[in-house]
Amino acid sequence: MTKIFQFTTFDWNKGNLDKNWKKHNVSNSECEEVFFNEPLLISEDEKYSQKEKRLQALGKTENNRLLFISFTIRNNNIRIISARNMSRKEKQHYEKA
């Protein structure tokens, strides 16, 4: 697991501001909430890390919605790539933590 020790803020790509909402009904604020709640499980996404290091997070929102988030860190900012509800397998892994 990877830990995020410091970041300044969230960096939202203007072209993707509402992508997660349209595809998966996940708001930007829900994505951000995951990073402030425990447990937060973070691992490196080796499959998609060819051009830049990508990470995956399993976490929960303030309303206990369980989300999978793919992201990268640019200039100490978290940049969300995609977000969706956790799969059954991801939920099982998260609940063991």
N, C-alpha and C. Protein backbone atom coordinates (compact mmCIF):
# COMPACT_ATOMS: atom_id res chain seq x y z
N MET A 1 0.83 -1.19 0.00
CA MET A 1 0.00 0.00 0.00
C MET A 1 0.88 1.25 0.00
N THR A 2 0.41 2.27 -0.64
CA THR A 2 1.11 3.54 -0.72
C THR A 2 0.42 4.53 0.19
N LYS A 3 1.17 5.37 0.86
CA LYS A 3 0.59 6.41 1.70
C LYS A 3 0.78 7.76 1.03
N ILE A 4 -0.21 8.62 1.19
CA ILE A 4 -0.09 10.00 0.70
C ILE A 4 0.25 10.85 1.92
N PHE A 5 1.44 11.37 1.97
CA PHE A 5 1.88 12.12 3.13
C PHE A 5 1.52 13.59 3.03
N GLN A 6 1.56 14.14 1.84
CA GLN A 6 1.24 15.56 1.72
C GLN A 6 0.68 15.85 0.34
N PHE A 7 -0.28 16.71 0.33
CA PHE A 7 -0.79 17.23 -0.92
C PHE A 7 -1.41 18.58 -0.61
N THR A 8 -1.44 19.42 -1.61
CA THR A 8 -1.93 20.77 -1.42
C THR A 8 -3.43 20.84 -1.59
N THR A 9 -3.92 20.29 -2.68
CA THR A 9 -5.35 20.39 -2.99
C THR A 9 -5.69 19.36 -4.05
N PHE A 10 -6.90 19.45 -4.55
CA PHE A 10 -7.32 18.59 -5.65
C PHE A 10 -7.23 19.38 -6.94
N ASP A 11 -6.76 18.73 -7.97
CA ASP A 11 -6.59 19.34 -9.28
C ASP A 11 -7.58 18.67 -10.22
N TRP A 12 -8.62 19.39 -10.61
CA TRP A 12 -9.66 18.83 -11.48
C TRP A 12 -9.43 19.28 -12.91
N ASN A 13 -9.31 18.32 -13.81
CA ASN A 13 -9.18 18.58 -15.23
C ASN A 13 -10.51 19.17 -15.72
N LYS A 14 -10.47 20.35 -16.30
CA LYS A 14 -11.70 21.03 -16.74
C LYS A 14 -12.51 20.19 -17.71
N GLY A 15 -11.84 19.40 -18.53
CA GLY A 15 -12.56 18.55 -19.47
C GLY A 15 -13.25 17.36 -18.82
N ASN A 16 -12.84 17.02 -17.58
CA ASN A 16 -13.40 15.86 -16.88
C ASN A 16 -14.20 16.24 -15.64
N LEU A 17 -14.53 17.50 -15.47
CA LEU A 17 -15.20 17.94 -14.24
C LEU A 17 -16.46 17.14 -13.91
N ASP A 18 -17.24 16.79 -14.90
CA ASP A 18 -18.48 16.07 -14.61
C ASP A 18 -18.50 14.66 -15.19
N LYS A 19 -17.34 14.16 -15.60
CA LYS A 19 -17.25 12.82 -16.19
C LYS A 19 -17.71 11.74 -15.22
N ASN A 20 -17.24 11.77 -13.98
CA ASN A 20 -17.60 10.74 -13.01
C ASN A 20 -19.07 10.80 -12.64
N TRP A 21 -19.64 12.00 -12.66
CA TRP A 21 -21.06 12.13 -12.38
C TRP A 21 -21.88 11.52 -13.52
N LYS A 22 -21.51 11.83 -14.75
CA LYS A 22 -22.25 11.31 -15.91
C LYS A 22 -22.14 9.79 -16.03
N LYS A 23 -20.96 9.24 -15.77
CA LYS A 23 -20.74 7.81 -15.95
C LYS A 23 -21.17 6.97 -14.75
N HIS A 24 -20.94 7.48 -13.53
CA HIS A 24 -21.12 6.65 -12.35
C HIS A 24 -21.91 7.33 -11.21
N ASN A 25 -22.45 8.52 -11.45
CA ASN A 25 -23.18 9.27 -10.43
C ASN A 25 -22.34 9.52 -9.17
N VAL A 26 -21.07 9.83 -9.38
CA VAL A 26 -20.16 10.17 -8.28
C VAL A 26 -19.79 11.63 -8.44
N SER A 27 -20.10 12.44 -7.42
CA SER A 27 -19.79 13.86 -7.48
C SER A 27 -18.33 14.11 -7.13
N ASN A 28 -17.83 15.26 -7.51
CA ASN A 28 -16.45 15.63 -7.19
C ASN A 28 -16.24 15.71 -5.68
N SER A 29 -17.22 16.24 -4.97
CA SER A 29 -17.07 16.34 -3.51
C SER A 29 -17.01 14.97 -2.86
N GLU A 30 -17.76 13.99 -3.39
CA GLU A 30 -17.68 12.63 -2.86
C GLU A 30 -16.28 12.06 -3.08
N CYS A 31 -15.70 12.31 -4.24
CA CYS A 31 -14.34 11.85 -4.52
C CYS A 31 -13.37 12.41 -3.48
N GLU A 32 -13.50 13.68 -3.20
CA GLU A 32 -12.59 14.32 -2.25
C GLU A 32 -12.78 13.79 -0.84
N GLU A 33 -14.02 13.53 -0.44
CA GLU A 33 -14.31 13.04 0.91
C GLU A 33 -13.55 11.75 1.23
N VAL A 34 -13.40 10.89 0.24
CA VAL A 34 -12.75 9.60 0.44
C VAL A 34 -11.36 9.77 1.06
N PHE A 35 -10.64 10.82 0.67
CA PHE A 35 -9.27 11.01 1.12
C PHE A 35 -9.18 11.50 2.57
N PHE A 36 -10.31 11.83 3.18
CA PHE A 36 -10.31 12.33 4.56
C PHE A 36 -10.98 11.37 5.53
N ASN A 37 -11.39 10.20 5.06
CA ASN A 37 -12.06 9.22 5.91
C ASN A 37 -11.22 7.96 6.01
N GLU A 38 -11.39 7.26 7.10
CA GLU A 38 -10.66 6.02 7.35
C GLU A 38 -11.64 4.86 7.35
N PRO A 39 -11.22 3.69 6.96
CA PRO A 39 -9.90 3.43 6.38
C PRO A 39 -9.82 3.91 4.94
N LEU A 40 -8.63 4.25 4.53
CA LEU A 40 -8.33 4.63 3.16
C LEU A 40 -7.20 3.72 2.69
N LEU A 41 -7.51 2.87 1.72
CA LEU A 41 -6.51 1.94 1.19
C LEU A 41 -6.02 2.46 -0.14
N ILE A 42 -4.72 2.62 -0.27
CA ILE A 42 -4.12 3.15 -1.50
C ILE A 42 -3.06 2.17 -1.99
N SER A 43 -3.12 1.90 -3.28
CA SER A 43 -2.11 1.03 -3.89
C SER A 43 -1.73 1.59 -5.25
N GLU A 44 -0.57 1.17 -5.74
CA GLU A 44 -0.12 1.62 -7.04
C GLU A 44 -0.85 0.84 -8.13
N ASP A 45 -1.24 1.52 -9.18
CA ASP A 45 -1.90 0.90 -10.32
C ASP A 45 -0.84 0.62 -11.38
N GLU A 46 -0.21 -0.53 -11.27
CA GLU A 46 0.89 -0.87 -12.16
C GLU A 46 0.45 -1.01 -13.61
N LYS A 47 -0.78 -1.44 -13.82
CA LYS A 47 -1.27 -1.66 -15.19
C LYS A 47 -1.32 -0.38 -16.00
N TYR A 48 -1.67 0.73 -15.36
CA TYR A 48 -1.84 2.00 -16.08
C TYR A 48 -0.80 3.04 -15.72
N SER A 49 0.34 2.64 -15.19
CA SER A 49 1.36 3.59 -14.76
C SER A 49 2.50 3.74 -15.75
N GLN A 50 2.27 3.52 -17.02
CA GLN A 50 3.37 3.61 -17.98
C GLN A 50 3.87 5.05 -18.16
N LYS A 51 2.97 6.01 -18.37
CA LYS A 51 3.39 7.40 -18.63
C LYS A 51 3.59 8.18 -17.34
N GLU A 52 2.74 7.97 -16.36
CA GLU A 52 2.92 8.60 -15.05
C GLU A 52 2.37 7.64 -14.00
N LYS A 53 2.85 7.78 -12.78
CA LYS A 53 2.44 6.90 -11.71
C LYS A 53 0.96 7.12 -11.39
N ARG A 54 0.19 6.06 -11.47
CA ARG A 54 -1.22 6.12 -11.10
C ARG A 54 -1.44 5.31 -9.83
N LEU A 55 -2.38 5.78 -9.06
CA LEU A 55 -2.71 5.14 -7.80
C LEU A 55 -4.19 4.81 -7.77
N GLN A 56 -4.54 3.87 -6.90
CA GLN A 56 -5.93 3.49 -6.70
C GLN A 56 -6.26 3.65 -5.22
N ALA A 57 -7.45 4.14 -4.95
CA ALA A 57 -7.89 4.28 -3.57
C ALA A 57 -9.21 3.56 -3.38
N LEU A 58 -9.33 2.90 -2.25
CA LEU A 58 -10.59 2.35 -1.80
C LEU A 58 -10.93 3.10 -0.52
N GLY A 59 -12.11 3.72 -0.50
CA GLY A 59 -12.49 4.50 0.67
C GLY A 59 -13.97 4.77 0.70
N LYS A 60 -14.37 5.54 1.72
CA LYS A 60 -15.80 5.82 1.88
C LYS A 60 -16.05 7.32 2.00
N THR A 61 -17.25 7.70 1.60
CA THR A 61 -17.68 9.09 1.68
C THR A 61 -18.28 9.36 3.06
N GLU A 62 -18.69 10.60 3.28
CA GLU A 62 -19.34 10.96 4.54
C GLU A 62 -20.64 10.18 4.75
N ASN A 63 -21.27 9.76 3.65
CA ASN A 63 -22.51 8.97 3.72
C ASN A 63 -22.25 7.48 3.63
N ASN A 64 -21.00 7.07 3.86
CA ASN A 64 -20.57 5.67 3.84
C ASN A 64 -20.74 4.99 2.49
N ARG A 65 -20.71 5.76 1.44
CA ARG A 65 -20.69 5.18 0.10
C ARG A 65 -19.28 4.69 -0.18
N LEU A 66 -19.13 3.45 -0.60
CA LEU A 66 -17.81 2.87 -0.84
C LEU A 66 -17.41 3.10 -2.28
N LEU A 67 -16.26 3.79 -2.46
CA LEU A 67 -15.82 4.18 -3.80
C LEU A 67 -14.43 3.65 -4.12
N PHE A 68 -14.23 3.36 -5.38
CA PHE A 68 -12.93 3.07 -5.97
C PHE A 68 -12.54 4.32 -6.74
N ILE A 69 -11.34 4.84 -6.49
CA ILE A 69 -10.88 6.05 -7.18
C ILE A 69 -9.51 5.80 -7.79
N SER A 70 -9.38 6.14 -9.04
CA SER A 70 -8.09 6.12 -9.73
C SER A 70 -7.60 7.56 -9.78
N PHE A 71 -6.32 7.78 -9.43
CA PHE A 71 -5.81 9.15 -9.38
C PHE A 71 -4.31 9.17 -9.58
N THR A 72 -3.79 10.35 -9.75
CA THR A 72 -2.35 10.57 -9.82
C THR A 72 -2.04 11.80 -8.97
N ILE A 73 -0.78 12.02 -8.71
CA ILE A 73 -0.37 13.21 -7.96
C ILE A 73 0.51 14.05 -8.87
N ARG A 74 0.09 15.29 -9.08
CA ARG A 74 0.85 16.24 -9.90
C ARG A 74 1.10 17.49 -9.08
N ASN A 75 2.35 17.85 -8.93
CA ASN A 75 2.74 19.05 -8.17
C ASN A 75 2.08 19.09 -6.80
N ASN A 76 2.12 17.96 -6.08
CA ASN A 76 1.53 17.82 -4.75
C ASN A 76 0.02 18.01 -4.73
N ASN A 77 -0.63 17.85 -5.86
CA ASN A 77 -2.09 17.92 -5.94
C ASN A 77 -2.63 16.56 -6.37
N ILE A 78 -3.74 16.16 -5.78
CA ILE A 78 -4.40 14.92 -6.19
C ILE A 78 -5.25 15.22 -7.41
N ARG A 79 -5.02 14.48 -8.47
CA ARG A 79 -5.80 14.63 -9.70
C ARG A 79 -6.60 13.35 -9.91
N ILE A 80 -7.91 13.44 -9.75
CA ILE A 80 -8.80 12.31 -9.90
C ILE A 80 -8.92 11.96 -11.39
N ILE A 81 -8.73 10.70 -11.71
CA ILE A 81 -8.87 10.22 -13.08
C ILE A 81 -10.25 9.63 -13.27
N SER A 82 -10.66 8.77 -12.34
CA SER A 82 -12.01 8.21 -12.42
C SER A 82 -12.46 7.76 -11.04
N ALA A 83 -13.77 7.64 -10.89
CA ALA A 83 -14.36 7.20 -9.63
C ALA A 83 -15.64 6.42 -9.92
N ARG A 84 -15.85 5.39 -9.10
CA ARG A 84 -17.05 4.56 -9.25
C ARG A 84 -17.30 3.84 -7.94
N ASN A 85 -18.45 3.17 -7.84
CA ASN A 85 -18.72 2.32 -6.69
C ASN A 85 -17.74 1.15 -6.70
N MET A 86 -17.38 0.68 -5.51
CA MET A 86 -16.50 -0.48 -5.42
C MET A 86 -17.20 -1.72 -5.96
N SER A 87 -16.42 -2.59 -6.56
CA SER A 87 -16.93 -3.90 -6.97
C SER A 87 -17.09 -4.78 -5.73
N ARG A 88 -17.73 -5.90 -5.89
CA ARG A 88 -17.91 -6.83 -4.76
C ARG A 88 -16.56 -7.27 -4.20
N LYS A 89 -15.62 -7.59 -5.08
CA LYS A 89 -14.29 -8.02 -4.65
C LYS A 89 -13.55 -6.90 -3.91
N GLU A 90 -13.67 -5.67 -4.41
CA GLU A 90 -13.03 -4.52 -3.75
C GLU A 90 -13.65 -4.28 -2.38
N LYS A 91 -14.97 -4.43 -2.26
CA LYS A 91 -15.64 -4.26 -0.96
C LYS A 91 -15.12 -5.27 0.04
N GLN A 92 -14.97 -6.52 -0.37
CA GLN A 92 -14.46 -7.55 0.52
C GLN A 92 -13.05 -7.20 1.01
N HIS A 93 -12.21 -6.75 0.10
CA HIS A 93 -10.84 -6.36 0.46
C HIS A 93 -10.87 -5.18 1.43
N TYR A 94 -11.72 -4.20 1.16
CA TYR A 94 -11.81 -3.00 1.99
C TYR A 94 -12.33 -3.34 3.39
N GLU A 95 -13.33 -4.19 3.45
CA GLU A 95 -13.93 -4.52 4.75
C GLU A 95 -12.99 -5.31 5.64
N LYS A 96 -11.99 -5.96 5.07
CA LYS A 96 -10.99 -6.69 5.86
C LYS A 96 -10.02 -5.73 6.56
N ALA A 97 -9.90 -4.51 6.04
CA ALA A 97 -8.92 -3.55 6.57
C ALA A 97 -9.32 -3.03 7.93
